[in-house]
Amino acid sequence: MKGAKSTKKADSKLTVKKTAAKGKAAKDPNKPKRPASAFFVFMEDFRKQYKEEHPDNKSVAAVGKAGGTKWKSMSESEKAPFVAKADKRKKEYEKNIDVYNKKLAGGANDEDDDSDKSKSEVNNEEDEEGSDEDEDDD
């Protein structure tokens, strides 16, 4: 009987997780990705260096552990170039996210601005297409 009670509890927990996953909003593929932190900027370079020194090692965990250890042992002055790169990426991201948010808020207005044709050119084409159809009917 104890086993029956535990399975009911487990089933109810599973259903809660399933409903939570369904309620999650879909990601927008056009949204800019968040910038990497200074540590991850450091890890980009460190991974290359570590693979050159340890070509036989295929463990991602080992690379991460070694990188974390080295990052902790570094002084602020040694971390400065990575922090500067991360700040630069963050500023770039903030510009991109502002543009993205304006596009979302503006809706169709910004989409027309991206087009090479002006609104009058687009309207002229639609008028010409409509006049062609009228001429065919005559």
Protein backbone atom coordinates (compact mmCIF):
# COMPACT_ATOMS: atom_id res chain seq x y z
CA MET A 1 0.00 0.00 0.00
CA LYS A 2 2.85 2.37 0.67
CA GLY A 3 4.07 1.88 -2.86
CA ALA A 4 0.64 2.82 -4.27
CA LYS A 5 0.59 6.09 -2.36
CA SER A 6 4.06 7.08 -3.54
CA THR A 7 3.20 6.47 -7.20
CA LYS A 8 0.12 8.68 -6.93
CA LYS A 9 2.24 11.47 -5.50
CA ALA A 10 4.83 10.99 -8.23
CA ASP A 11 2.14 11.08 -10.91
CA SER A 12 0.69 14.31 -9.56
CA LYS A 13 4.15 15.90 -9.51
CA LEU A 14 4.76 14.86 -13.09
CA THR A 15 1.53 16.37 -14.31
CA VAL A 16 2.36 19.68 -12.64
CA LYS A 17 5.68 19.80 -14.48
CA LYS A 18 4.02 19.01 -17.81
CA THR A 19 1.51 21.85 -17.46
CA ALA A 20 4.26 24.28 -16.47
CA ALA A 21 6.18 23.41 -19.63
CA LYS A 22 3.12 23.98 -21.82
CA GLY A 23 2.58 27.48 -20.39
CA LYS A 24 6.08 28.60 -21.37
CA ALA A 25 6.19 31.29 -24.07
CA ALA A 26 7.91 30.51 -27.36
CA LYS A 27 11.29 32.14 -27.97
CA ASP A 28 11.59 34.74 -30.70
CA PRO A 29 14.41 33.74 -33.08
CA ASN A 30 14.95 37.39 -34.06
CA LYS A 31 15.67 38.51 -30.49
CA PRO A 32 19.37 39.35 -29.97
CA LYS A 33 21.31 36.93 -27.79
CA ARG A 34 22.53 38.16 -24.44
CA PRO A 35 26.23 39.02 -24.32
CA ALA A 36 28.79 36.75 -22.70
CA SER A 37 30.09 37.68 -19.27
CA ALA A 38 33.78 38.43 -18.73
CA PHE A 39 34.33 34.83 -17.59
CA PHE A 40 32.86 33.40 -20.79
CA VAL A 41 34.91 35.80 -22.90
CA PHE A 42 37.95 34.48 -21.02
CA MET A 43 36.82 30.89 -21.59
CA GLU A 44 36.68 31.41 -25.38
CA ASP A 45 40.43 32.03 -25.40
CA PHE A 46 41.19 29.56 -22.64
CA ARG A 47 39.47 26.65 -24.44
CA LYS A 48 41.72 27.10 -27.48
CA GLN A 49 44.83 27.34 -25.32
CA TYR A 50 43.82 24.33 -23.19
CA LYS A 51 43.12 22.16 -26.27
CA GLU A 52 46.57 22.96 -27.66
CA GLU A 53 48.23 21.99 -24.38
CA HIS A 54 46.04 18.91 -23.80
CA PRO A 55 45.05 17.52 -27.23
CA ASP A 56 44.04 14.11 -25.81
CA ASN A 57 41.56 15.54 -23.30
CA LYS A 58 37.98 15.43 -24.60
CA SER A 59 36.25 16.17 -21.30
CA VAL A 60 34.26 19.40 -21.32
CA ALA A 61 34.10 19.29 -17.52
CA ALA A 62 37.89 19.19 -17.24
CA VAL A 63 38.25 22.25 -19.46
CA GLY A 64 35.61 24.11 -17.46
CA LYS A 65 37.17 23.19 -14.15
CA ALA A 66 40.64 24.24 -15.27
CA GLY A 67 39.27 27.50 -16.66
CA GLY A 68 37.37 28.26 -13.47
CA THR A 69 40.44 27.59 -11.36
CA LYS A 70 42.59 29.86 -13.51
CA TRP A 71 39.93 32.61 -13.52
CA LYS A 72 39.75 32.57 -9.71
CA SER A 73 43.53 32.79 -9.43
CA MET A 74 43.78 35.77 -11.80
CA SER A 75 44.16 39.31 -10.46
CA GLU A 76 41.82 42.14 -11.43
CA SER A 77 44.44 43.58 -13.78
CA GLU A 78 44.73 40.22 -15.57
CA LYS A 79 40.93 40.05 -15.91
CA ALA A 80 40.69 43.65 -17.20
CA PRO A 81 40.93 42.88 -20.95
CA PHE A 82 38.16 40.29 -20.68
CA VAL A 83 35.99 42.65 -18.65
CA ALA A 84 36.54 45.35 -21.29
CA LYS A 85 35.50 42.97 -24.10
CA ALA A 86 32.42 41.93 -22.12
CA ASP A 87 31.46 45.58 -21.54
CA LYS A 88 31.87 46.31 -25.24
CA ARG A 89 29.61 43.36 -26.11
CA LYS A 90 27.08 44.46 -23.50
CA LYS A 91 26.85 47.97 -24.98
CA GLU A 92 26.42 46.49 -28.45
CA TYR A 93 23.71 44.17 -27.10
CA GLU A 94 21.89 47.07 -25.45
CA LYS A 95 21.81 48.93 -28.79
CA ASN A 96 20.54 45.83 -30.58
CA ILE A 97 17.87 45.11 -27.96
CA ASP A 98 16.65 48.73 -28.13
CA VAL A 99 16.26 48.41 -31.90
CA TYR A 100 14.52 45.06 -31.43
CA ASN A 101 12.12 46.45 -28.82
CA LYS A 102 11.31 49.44 -31.04
CA LYS A 103 10.48 47.07 -33.89
CA LEU A 104 8.18 45.10 -31.61
CA ALA A 105 6.46 48.23 -30.31
CA GLY A 106 6.28 49.90 -33.72
CA GLY A 107 4.90 46.87 -35.49
CA ALA A 108 4.36 47.44 -39.22
CA ASN A 109 5.78 51.00 -39.24
CA ASP A 110 9.39 49.88 -38.85
CA GLU A 111 8.99 47.08 -41.37
CA ASP A 112 8.11 49.63 -44.07
CA ASP A 113 11.19 51.71 -43.16
CA ASP A 114 13.44 48.70 -43.82
CA SER A 115 12.07 48.33 -47.34
CA ASP A 116 14.00 49.82 -50.27
CA LYS A 117 10.81 51.18 -51.78
CA SER A 118 8.91 54.14 -50.46
CA LYS A 119 5.23 53.91 -49.62
CA SER A 120 4.31 55.83 -52.76
CA GLU A 121 6.22 53.35 -54.96
CA VAL A 122 4.44 50.44 -53.31
CA ASN A 123 1.07 52.15 -53.78
CA ASN A 124 1.89 52.89 -57.42
CA GLU A 125 2.65 49.23 -58.09
CA GLU A 126 -0.65 48.20 -56.52
CA ASP A 127 -2.50 50.77 -58.64
CA GLU A 128 -0.78 49.53 -61.80
CA GLU A 129 -1.70 45.94 -61.02
CA GLY A 130 -5.29 46.98 -60.44
CA SER A 131 -5.40 48.96 -63.69
CA ASP A 132 -4.01 45.97 -65.61
CA GLU A 133 -6.86 43.87 -64.35
CA ASP A 134 -9.40 46.52 -65.37
CA GLU A 135 -7.88 46.68 -68.87
CA ASP A 136 -8.15 42.91 -69.24
CA ASP A 137 -11.84 43.04 -68.43
CA ASP A 138 -12.58 45.52 -71.27
